[in-house]
N, C-alpha and C. Protein backbone atom coordinates (compact mmCIF):
# COMPACT_ATOMS: atom_id res chain seq x y z
N UNK A 1 81.33 109.32 156.32
CA UNK A 1 82.37 108.40 156.69
C UNK A 1 83.73 109.04 156.53
N UNK A 2 84.05 109.89 157.42
CA UNK A 2 85.36 110.54 157.38
C UNK A 2 86.37 109.68 158.12
N UNK A 3 87.58 109.69 157.62
CA UNK A 3 88.66 108.96 158.29
C UNK A 3 89.41 109.95 159.17
N UNK A 4 89.19 109.82 160.45
CA UNK A 4 89.79 110.75 161.39
C UNK A 4 91.25 110.39 161.61
N UNK A 5 92.07 111.38 161.79
CA UNK A 5 93.47 111.17 162.13
C UNK A 5 94.39 110.92 160.94
N UNK A 6 93.88 110.96 159.75
CA UNK A 6 94.72 110.75 158.57
C UNK A 6 94.87 112.06 157.82
N UNK A 7 95.61 112.93 158.40
CA UNK A 7 95.87 114.20 157.75
C UNK A 7 97.09 114.05 156.86
N UNK A 8 97.12 114.81 155.80
CA UNK A 8 98.21 114.73 154.83
C UNK A 8 99.57 115.02 155.48
N UNK A 9 99.62 116.01 156.34
CA UNK A 9 100.91 116.36 156.95
C UNK A 9 101.41 115.27 157.88
N UNK A 10 100.52 114.51 158.53
CA UNK A 10 100.95 113.42 159.40
C UNK A 10 101.64 112.32 158.58
N UNK A 11 101.06 111.97 157.46
CA UNK A 11 101.66 110.94 156.61
C UNK A 11 102.99 111.40 156.04
N UNK A 12 103.04 112.66 155.60
CA UNK A 12 104.28 113.18 155.03
C UNK A 12 105.40 113.20 156.07
N UNK A 13 105.10 113.62 157.29
CA UNK A 13 106.14 113.68 158.31
C UNK A 13 106.61 112.28 158.70
N UNK A 14 105.70 111.31 158.71
CA UNK A 14 106.10 109.93 159.02
C UNK A 14 107.01 109.38 157.92
N UNK A 15 106.66 109.64 156.67
CA UNK A 15 107.48 109.18 155.54
C UNK A 15 108.85 109.85 155.55
N UNK A 16 108.88 111.14 155.84
CA UNK A 16 110.15 111.86 155.90
C UNK A 16 111.04 111.30 157.00
N UNK A 17 110.45 110.98 158.14
CA UNK A 17 111.23 110.41 159.24
C UNK A 17 111.80 109.05 158.83
N UNK A 18 111.00 108.21 158.18
CA UNK A 18 111.48 106.90 157.73
C UNK A 18 112.62 107.05 156.73
N UNK A 19 112.47 108.00 155.82
CA UNK A 19 113.51 108.23 154.83
C UNK A 19 114.79 108.72 155.50
N UNK A 20 114.66 109.66 156.42
CA UNK A 20 115.83 110.19 157.13
C UNK A 20 116.53 109.09 157.94
N UNK A 21 115.75 108.23 158.61
CA UNK A 21 116.33 107.12 159.37
C UNK A 21 117.08 106.16 158.45
N UNK A 22 116.48 105.90 157.29
CA UNK A 22 117.12 104.99 156.32
C UNK A 22 118.44 105.58 155.84
N UNK A 23 118.45 106.85 155.49
CA UNK A 23 119.65 107.50 154.97
C UNK A 23 120.73 107.57 156.05
N UNK A 24 120.36 107.93 157.26
CA UNK A 24 121.37 108.03 158.31
C UNK A 24 121.95 106.65 158.65
N UNK A 25 121.13 105.60 158.59
CA UNK A 25 121.63 104.25 158.81
C UNK A 25 122.60 103.83 157.73
N UNK A 26 122.30 104.17 156.49
CA UNK A 26 123.19 103.83 155.38
C UNK A 26 124.51 104.59 155.52
N UNK A 27 124.44 105.84 155.93
CA UNK A 27 125.67 106.62 156.11
C UNK A 27 126.56 106.00 157.18
N UNK A 28 125.96 105.55 158.27
CA UNK A 28 126.74 104.92 159.33
C UNK A 28 127.40 103.65 158.83
N UNK A 29 126.66 102.83 158.07
CA UNK A 29 127.22 101.58 157.54
C UNK A 29 128.37 101.85 156.59
N UNK A 30 128.27 102.87 155.76
CA UNK A 30 129.33 103.19 154.82
C UNK A 30 130.57 103.68 155.56
N UNK A 31 130.38 104.45 156.62
CA UNK A 31 131.51 104.97 157.38
C UNK A 31 132.26 103.85 158.09
N UNK A 32 131.57 102.75 158.42
CA UNK A 32 132.19 101.65 159.13
C UNK A 32 132.99 100.73 158.21
N UNK A 33 132.83 100.86 156.90
CA UNK A 33 133.55 100.01 155.97
C UNK A 33 135.03 100.35 155.99
N UNK A 34 135.84 99.31 155.93
CA UNK A 34 137.28 99.53 155.87
C UNK A 34 137.78 99.05 154.51
N UNK A 35 138.71 99.77 153.94
CA UNK A 35 139.21 99.36 152.62
C UNK A 35 140.01 98.06 152.73
N UNK A 36 139.89 97.26 151.70
CA UNK A 36 140.59 95.98 151.66
C UNK A 36 142.04 96.20 151.23
N UNK A 37 142.94 95.44 151.82
CA UNK A 37 144.35 95.52 151.45
C UNK A 37 144.70 94.51 150.36
N UNK A 38 143.73 93.69 149.99
CA UNK A 38 143.99 92.67 148.96
C UNK A 38 144.19 93.34 147.61
N UNK A 39 145.16 92.82 146.88
CA UNK A 39 145.43 93.33 145.55
C UNK A 39 145.13 92.22 144.56
N UNK A 40 144.36 92.56 143.55
CA UNK A 40 143.96 91.58 142.56
C UNK A 40 144.57 91.94 141.22
N UNK A 41 144.86 90.92 140.45
CA UNK A 41 145.35 91.12 139.09
C UNK A 41 144.43 90.36 138.16
N UNK A 42 144.20 90.92 137.00
CA UNK A 42 143.38 90.24 136.00
C UNK A 42 144.28 89.40 135.11
N UNK A 43 143.81 88.20 134.82
CA UNK A 43 144.52 87.30 133.93
C UNK A 43 143.56 86.84 132.85
N UNK A 44 144.10 86.57 131.71
CA UNK A 44 143.29 86.08 130.61
C UNK A 44 143.75 84.67 130.26
N UNK A 45 142.82 83.76 130.19
CA UNK A 45 143.12 82.41 129.75
C UNK A 45 141.90 81.86 129.03
N UNK A 46 142.12 80.83 128.27
CA UNK A 46 141.06 80.26 127.44
C UNK A 46 140.44 79.05 128.10
N UNK A 47 139.14 78.95 128.00
CA UNK A 47 138.40 77.80 128.47
C UNK A 47 137.50 77.30 127.35
N UNK A 48 137.28 76.01 127.34
CA UNK A 48 136.29 75.49 126.39
C UNK A 48 134.91 75.87 126.89
N UNK A 49 133.96 75.81 126.02
CA UNK A 49 132.58 76.12 126.41
C UNK A 49 132.10 75.15 127.50
N UNK A 50 132.52 73.91 127.39
CA UNK A 50 132.14 72.89 128.37
C UNK A 50 132.67 73.22 129.76
N UNK A 51 133.93 73.60 129.84
CA UNK A 51 134.54 73.95 131.14
C UNK A 51 133.89 75.21 131.71
N UNK A 52 133.62 76.17 130.86
CA UNK A 52 132.96 77.39 131.31
C UNK A 52 131.58 77.09 131.89
N UNK A 53 130.84 76.20 131.24
CA UNK A 53 129.53 75.79 131.75
C UNK A 53 129.66 75.03 133.07
N UNK A 54 130.71 74.21 133.19
CA UNK A 54 130.92 73.49 134.44
C UNK A 54 131.18 74.45 135.59
N UNK A 55 131.94 75.50 135.33
CA UNK A 55 132.20 76.52 136.36
C UNK A 55 130.89 77.18 136.76
N UNK A 56 130.07 77.52 135.78
CA UNK A 56 128.76 78.13 136.07
C UNK A 56 127.88 77.18 136.88
N UNK A 57 127.90 75.90 136.52
CA UNK A 57 127.09 74.91 137.26
C UNK A 57 127.58 74.78 138.71
N UNK A 58 128.90 74.79 138.91
CA UNK A 58 129.45 74.73 140.26
C UNK A 58 129.05 75.95 141.08
N UNK A 59 129.03 77.08 140.42
CA UNK A 59 128.63 78.32 141.10
C UNK A 59 127.19 78.20 141.61
N UNK A 60 126.32 77.63 140.81
CA UNK A 60 124.92 77.45 141.21
C UNK A 60 124.81 76.38 142.28
N UNK A 61 125.52 75.28 142.11
CA UNK A 61 125.44 74.16 143.06
C UNK A 61 125.91 74.54 144.46
N UNK A 62 126.88 75.44 144.57
CA UNK A 62 127.42 75.77 145.90
C UNK A 62 126.43 76.55 146.75
N UNK A 63 125.47 77.19 146.12
CA UNK A 63 124.40 77.92 146.84
C UNK A 63 124.94 78.97 147.79
N UNK A 64 125.98 79.65 147.37
CA UNK A 64 126.53 80.75 148.16
C UNK A 64 126.31 82.03 147.33
N UNK A 65 125.60 82.97 147.90
CA UNK A 65 125.20 84.16 147.15
C UNK A 65 126.39 84.96 146.63
N UNK A 66 127.47 85.03 147.38
CA UNK A 66 128.61 85.85 146.98
C UNK A 66 129.60 85.11 146.08
N UNK A 67 129.32 83.85 145.80
CA UNK A 67 130.24 83.08 144.96
C UNK A 67 130.21 83.59 143.52
N UNK A 68 131.38 83.67 142.93
CA UNK A 68 131.48 84.03 141.52
C UNK A 68 132.48 83.08 140.88
N UNK A 69 132.74 83.27 139.60
CA UNK A 69 133.63 82.37 138.87
C UNK A 69 135.03 82.37 139.47
N UNK A 70 135.50 83.52 139.92
CA UNK A 70 136.83 83.60 140.53
C UNK A 70 136.91 82.77 141.81
N UNK A 71 135.88 82.83 142.61
CA UNK A 71 135.86 82.07 143.86
C UNK A 71 135.87 80.57 143.56
N UNK A 72 135.12 80.16 142.54
CA UNK A 72 135.10 78.75 142.15
C UNK A 72 136.50 78.29 141.74
N UNK A 73 137.18 79.11 140.94
CA UNK A 73 138.53 78.76 140.51
C UNK A 73 139.52 78.75 141.68
N UNK A 74 139.38 79.70 142.61
CA UNK A 74 140.25 79.71 143.79
C UNK A 74 140.06 78.44 144.62
N UNK A 75 138.80 78.01 144.77
CA UNK A 75 138.53 76.79 145.52
C UNK A 75 139.16 75.58 144.83
N UNK A 76 139.08 75.55 143.50
CA UNK A 76 139.68 74.44 142.75
C UNK A 76 141.20 74.43 142.92
N UNK A 77 141.81 75.59 142.85
CA UNK A 77 143.27 75.68 143.00
C UNK A 77 143.67 75.24 144.41
N UNK A 78 142.91 75.64 145.41
CA UNK A 78 143.21 75.22 146.78
C UNK A 78 143.13 73.70 146.92
N UNK A 79 142.16 73.08 146.27
CA UNK A 79 142.05 71.63 146.33
C UNK A 79 143.20 70.96 145.58
N UNK A 80 143.62 71.53 144.46
CA UNK A 80 144.76 70.99 143.72
C UNK A 80 146.03 71.07 144.55
N UNK A 81 146.18 72.12 145.34
CA UNK A 81 147.35 72.26 146.21
C UNK A 81 147.42 71.18 147.28
N UNK A 82 146.29 70.59 147.61
CA UNK A 82 146.25 69.53 148.63
C UNK A 82 146.70 68.18 148.09
N UNK A 83 146.80 68.05 146.78
CA UNK A 83 147.21 66.79 146.17
C UNK A 83 148.72 66.59 146.30
N UNK A 84 149.13 65.33 146.33
CA UNK A 84 150.56 65.04 146.29
C UNK A 84 151.06 65.33 144.87
N UNK A 85 152.36 65.38 144.71
CA UNK A 85 152.93 65.64 143.39
C UNK A 85 152.50 64.56 142.38
N UNK A 86 152.47 63.32 142.84
CA UNK A 86 152.09 62.22 141.96
C UNK A 86 150.62 62.32 141.56
N UNK A 87 149.75 62.63 142.53
CA UNK A 87 148.33 62.77 142.23
C UNK A 87 148.08 63.92 141.26
N UNK A 88 148.78 65.03 141.49
CA UNK A 88 148.64 66.17 140.60
C UNK A 88 149.10 65.83 139.19
N UNK A 89 150.23 65.15 139.09
CA UNK A 89 150.75 64.77 137.78
C UNK A 89 149.77 63.86 137.05
N UNK A 90 149.19 62.88 137.75
CA UNK A 90 148.23 61.98 137.13
C UNK A 90 146.99 62.75 136.63
N UNK A 91 146.54 63.67 137.44
CA UNK A 91 145.36 64.46 137.07
C UNK A 91 145.64 65.30 135.83
N UNK A 92 146.78 65.96 135.80
CA UNK A 92 147.13 66.80 134.64
C UNK A 92 147.31 65.96 133.40
N UNK A 93 147.97 64.80 133.55
CA UNK A 93 148.15 63.91 132.40
C UNK A 93 146.79 63.44 131.86
N UNK A 94 145.87 63.16 132.76
CA UNK A 94 144.53 62.75 132.35
C UNK A 94 143.85 63.88 131.57
N UNK A 95 143.95 65.12 132.05
CA UNK A 95 143.35 66.26 131.35
C UNK A 95 143.98 66.49 129.98
N UNK A 96 145.26 66.17 129.87
CA UNK A 96 145.95 66.31 128.58
C UNK A 96 145.66 65.14 127.65
N UNK A 97 145.03 64.11 128.16
CA UNK A 97 144.67 62.98 127.33
C UNK A 97 145.76 61.92 127.21
N UNK A 98 146.70 61.89 128.14
CA UNK A 98 147.77 60.89 128.12
C UNK A 98 147.41 59.69 128.91
C-alpha cells in the first residue's frame, strides 16, 4: 500500500511556496500603511474601583474589537459635549453629591 505522488520534495516545495506567498503578502500590507498624524498625550487621573469597572463593562458591552478604555472615555466626553450648559452642570453637581 504505497502512497503514490507524496514525495518529500513535493510537500516541502508546496510549503515553501505558501510561506513565501504569506511573507510577500505581509510585506505588501506593511508597505501600504501610512503613518498617523494624530498626536497623543498621556494623562494621569484617579478613578474609583467602581468607575474603573464600569469602564471595563462598557468596553465589553460595546462589542467592538478595537475598543479600549481611551475610546470609551472619548465617547463619554463627546456625549458630554452634546449637553447644554445647564444639563452638564446638573450632571456634575449630581456626581459631586450636591
